């Protein structure tokens, strides 16, 4: 007897939402459109998520888990501060390329007209990323005995602004201008005045 595995409907809803964000740049995703895409009623959507905002929060949680779990691996595998920063930025940019719909969330494009707490969650993601960079940069003094020509907070802010700019450009280009394009060359330029 063959047992068919029932698909995880909650996961299916989130995957459809991410795909719709990717395939419909600039469009607002309604629960009616999402339900039609998933092949369920709107009521069925709300059995899995109490609100549309919770659906977006599910995607934000996926972004956070994906990025910060990789950052933890980078911190374990690499000890040199600049190597860590390079890898962290690269992971974020490659994640963005592989998940275009998520870029619309990170850039705020998909959150226009949605619950304000979603924008706050995305801001918290970038603040946490900046704090991570700042910690890595501060540890450079302790581990390597080297500092920077600029304070760690300002440099961490530059790195996050660079990443945000690459993600925003990817969204603006209709997902044609890949975030990792020219990254190594740009990294060399950023680090030239370290």
Protein backbone atom coordinates (compact mmCIF):
# COMPACT_ATOMS: atom_id res chain seq x y z
CA UNK A 1 0.00 0.00 0.00
CA UNK A 2 1.41 3.37 -1.02
CA UNK A 3 1.05 6.29 1.34
CA UNK A 4 0.84 9.62 -0.46
CA UNK A 5 2.32 12.45 1.48
CA UNK A 6 -0.01 15.41 1.87
CA UNK A 7 1.71 18.63 0.83
CA UNK A 8 2.40 21.12 3.59
CA UNK A 9 -0.26 23.68 2.72
CA UNK A 10 1.32 26.43 4.82
CA UNK A 11 4.63 25.97 2.97
CA UNK A 12 2.78 25.84 -0.36
CA UNK A 13 1.07 29.17 0.39
CA UNK A 14 4.40 30.84 1.23
CA UNK A 15 6.06 29.41 -1.90
CA UNK A 16 3.19 30.66 -4.09
CA UNK A 17 3.36 34.10 -2.47
CA UNK A 18 7.12 34.29 -3.11
CA UNK A 19 6.61 33.18 -6.73
CA UNK A 20 3.86 35.77 -7.25
CA UNK A 21 6.12 38.49 -5.84
CA UNK A 22 8.74 37.45 -8.38
CA UNK A 23 6.45 37.13 -11.40
CA UNK A 24 4.36 40.25 -10.74
CA UNK A 25 6.85 43.05 -10.02
CA UNK A 26 5.18 46.22 -8.84
CA UNK A 27 1.79 44.55 -8.36
CA UNK A 28 0.04 44.23 -5.06
CA UNK A 29 -0.75 40.64 -4.15
CA UNK A 30 -4.31 40.18 -2.91
CA UNK A 31 -5.49 37.20 -0.89
CA UNK A 32 -7.98 36.42 -3.67
CA UNK A 33 -5.17 36.20 -6.26
CA UNK A 34 -3.03 34.17 -3.87
CA UNK A 35 -5.87 31.76 -3.08
CA UNK A 36 -6.49 31.25 -6.81
CA UNK A 37 -2.78 30.59 -7.39
CA UNK A 38 -2.63 28.06 -4.54
CA UNK A 39 -5.91 26.49 -5.67
CA UNK A 40 -7.80 27.01 -2.43
CA UNK A 41 -10.43 29.39 -1.10
CA UNK A 42 -9.53 32.58 0.74
CA UNK A 43 -11.03 30.98 3.84
CA UNK A 44 -8.53 28.12 3.48
CA UNK A 45 -5.68 30.66 3.42
CA UNK A 46 -6.92 32.09 6.69
CA UNK A 47 -7.03 28.63 8.29
CA UNK A 48 -3.25 28.56 7.92
CA UNK A 49 -2.48 32.24 8.48
CA UNK A 50 -4.64 34.61 10.56
CA UNK A 51 -3.80 37.52 8.23
CA UNK A 52 -1.96 38.45 5.06
CA UNK A 53 0.62 40.17 7.25
CA UNK A 54 1.39 36.81 8.89
CA UNK A 55 2.05 35.36 5.43
CA UNK A 56 4.60 38.08 4.75
CA UNK A 57 6.08 37.54 8.21
CA UNK A 58 6.52 33.87 7.30
CA UNK A 59 8.63 34.94 4.31
CA UNK A 60 10.61 37.42 6.44
CA UNK A 61 11.31 34.62 8.92
CA UNK A 62 12.55 32.46 6.03
CA UNK A 63 14.88 35.28 4.93
CA UNK A 64 16.22 35.77 8.46
CA UNK A 65 16.76 32.05 9.05
CA UNK A 66 18.44 31.54 5.68
CA UNK A 67 20.82 34.49 6.00
CA UNK A 68 21.71 34.33 9.69
CA UNK A 69 22.23 30.56 9.73
CA UNK A 70 24.72 31.01 6.87
CA UNK A 71 26.38 33.90 8.72
CA UNK A 72 26.88 31.63 11.73
CA UNK A 73 28.62 29.08 9.48
CA UNK A 74 30.84 31.82 8.03
CA UNK A 75 31.81 32.97 11.53
CA UNK A 76 32.71 29.40 12.45
CA UNK A 77 34.66 28.66 9.27
CA UNK A 78 36.57 31.94 8.85
CA UNK A 79 38.51 34.01 11.35
CA UNK A 80 39.77 36.97 9.30
CA UNK A 81 37.36 39.96 9.54
CA UNK A 82 37.52 41.07 5.90
CA UNK A 83 37.03 37.50 4.66
CA UNK A 84 34.00 37.18 6.96
CA UNK A 85 32.51 40.46 5.70
CA UNK A 86 33.12 39.49 2.07
CA UNK A 87 31.41 36.12 2.55
CA UNK A 88 28.47 37.62 4.47
CA UNK A 89 27.83 40.15 1.71
CA UNK A 90 28.23 37.51 -0.97
CA UNK A 91 25.77 35.17 0.77
CA UNK A 92 23.20 37.95 0.97
CA UNK A 93 23.63 38.92 -2.69
CA UNK A 94 23.45 35.32 -3.94
CA UNK A 95 20.38 34.68 -1.75
CA UNK A 96 18.78 37.73 -3.34
CA UNK A 97 19.54 36.44 -6.85
CA UNK A 98 18.07 33.04 -6.10
CA UNK A 99 14.98 34.49 -4.41
CA UNK A 100 13.81 37.49 -6.47
CA UNK A 101 10.42 37.61 -4.78
CA UNK A 102 12.13 37.99 -1.41
CA UNK A 103 13.99 41.02 -2.79
CA UNK A 104 10.68 42.81 -3.17
CA UNK A 105 10.18 42.31 0.56
CA UNK A 106 13.73 43.38 1.48
CA UNK A 107 13.47 46.50 -0.68
CA UNK A 108 10.04 47.35 0.75
CA UNK A 109 8.46 47.26 -2.71
CA UNK A 110 6.03 44.45 -1.83
CA UNK A 111 5.16 46.01 1.52
CA UNK A 112 3.61 49.23 0.20
CA UNK A 113 0.14 49.51 1.69
CA UNK A 114 0.70 46.53 3.98
CA UNK A 115 0.88 46.46 7.78
CA UNK A 116 3.58 48.81 9.13
CA UNK A 117 4.99 46.09 11.39
CA UNK A 118 6.24 44.31 8.25
CA UNK A 119 8.42 47.29 7.34
CA UNK A 120 9.62 47.34 10.95
CA UNK A 121 10.58 43.64 10.68
CA UNK A 122 12.59 44.30 7.51
CA UNK A 123 14.28 47.28 9.20
CA UNK A 124 15.15 45.01 12.14
CA UNK A 125 16.66 42.49 9.71
CA UNK A 126 18.99 45.14 8.28
CA UNK A 127 19.79 46.50 11.77
CA UNK A 128 20.73 42.99 12.90
CA UNK A 129 22.88 42.56 9.78
CA UNK A 130 24.61 45.88 10.49
CA UNK A 131 25.23 44.84 14.11
CA UNK A 132 26.75 41.60 12.85
CA UNK A 133 29.12 43.50 10.55
CA UNK A 134 30.02 45.90 13.35
CA UNK A 135 30.84 42.99 15.67
CA UNK A 136 33.02 41.31 13.03
CA UNK A 137 34.83 44.59 12.33
CA UNK A 138 35.41 45.30 16.03
CA UNK A 139 36.82 41.82 16.55
CA UNK A 140 39.45 42.61 13.91
CA UNK A 141 41.29 44.78 16.44
CA UNK A 142 41.34 41.93 18.95
CA UNK A 143 42.07 39.04 16.57
CA UNK A 144 44.33 40.71 14.02
CA UNK A 145 45.58 43.81 15.84
CA UNK A 146 44.41 46.01 12.96
CA UNK A 147 41.91 48.82 12.75
CA UNK A 148 40.32 50.80 9.93
CA UNK A 149 40.61 54.37 8.65
CA UNK A 150 36.91 54.72 9.50
CA UNK A 151 35.06 53.67 12.66
CA UNK A 152 33.45 50.24 12.66
CA UNK A 153 29.89 51.57 12.92
CA UNK A 154 30.31 53.74 9.82
CA UNK A 155 31.93 50.92 7.85
CA UNK A 156 29.21 48.45 8.89
CA UNK A 157 26.63 50.99 7.71
CA UNK A 158 28.40 51.32 4.33
CA UNK A 159 28.37 47.53 3.87
CA UNK A 160 24.64 47.28 4.62
CA UNK A 161 23.84 50.27 2.41
CA UNK A 162 25.82 48.60 -0.39
CA UNK A 163 23.81 45.38 0.00
CA UNK A 164 20.49 47.24 0.18
CA UNK A 165 21.41 49.20 -2.94
CA UNK A 166 22.26 46.02 -4.87
CA UNK A 167 18.93 44.44 -3.84
CA UNK A 168 16.97 47.59 -4.76
CA UNK A 169 18.71 47.78 -8.16
CA UNK A 170 17.79 44.13 -8.78
CA UNK A 171 14.11 44.88 -8.09
CA UNK A 172 14.17 48.09 -10.19
CA UNK A 173 15.71 46.22 -13.14
CA UNK A 174 12.88 43.69 -13.16
CA UNK A 175 15.35 41.10 -11.79
CA UNK A 176 17.74 41.51 -14.71
CA UNK A 177 20.69 43.24 -12.99
CA UNK A 178 22.03 40.51 -10.72
CA UNK A 179 23.17 41.66 -7.26
CA UNK A 180 26.42 39.67 -7.40
CA UNK A 181 27.37 41.19 -10.76
CA UNK A 182 30.80 42.86 -10.40
CA UNK A 183 30.77 42.13 -6.66
CA UNK A 184 34.41 41.06 -6.35
CA UNK A 185 35.60 44.15 -8.22
CA UNK A 186 33.37 46.40 -6.09
CA UNK A 187 34.58 44.66 -2.92
CA UNK A 188 38.19 45.36 -3.89
CA UNK A 189 37.35 49.02 -4.37
CA UNK A 190 35.50 49.24 -1.04
CA UNK A 191 38.41 47.67 0.78
CA UNK A 192 41.14 49.66 -1.00
CA UNK A 193 41.04 52.34 1.71
CA UNK A 194 40.73 49.99 4.69
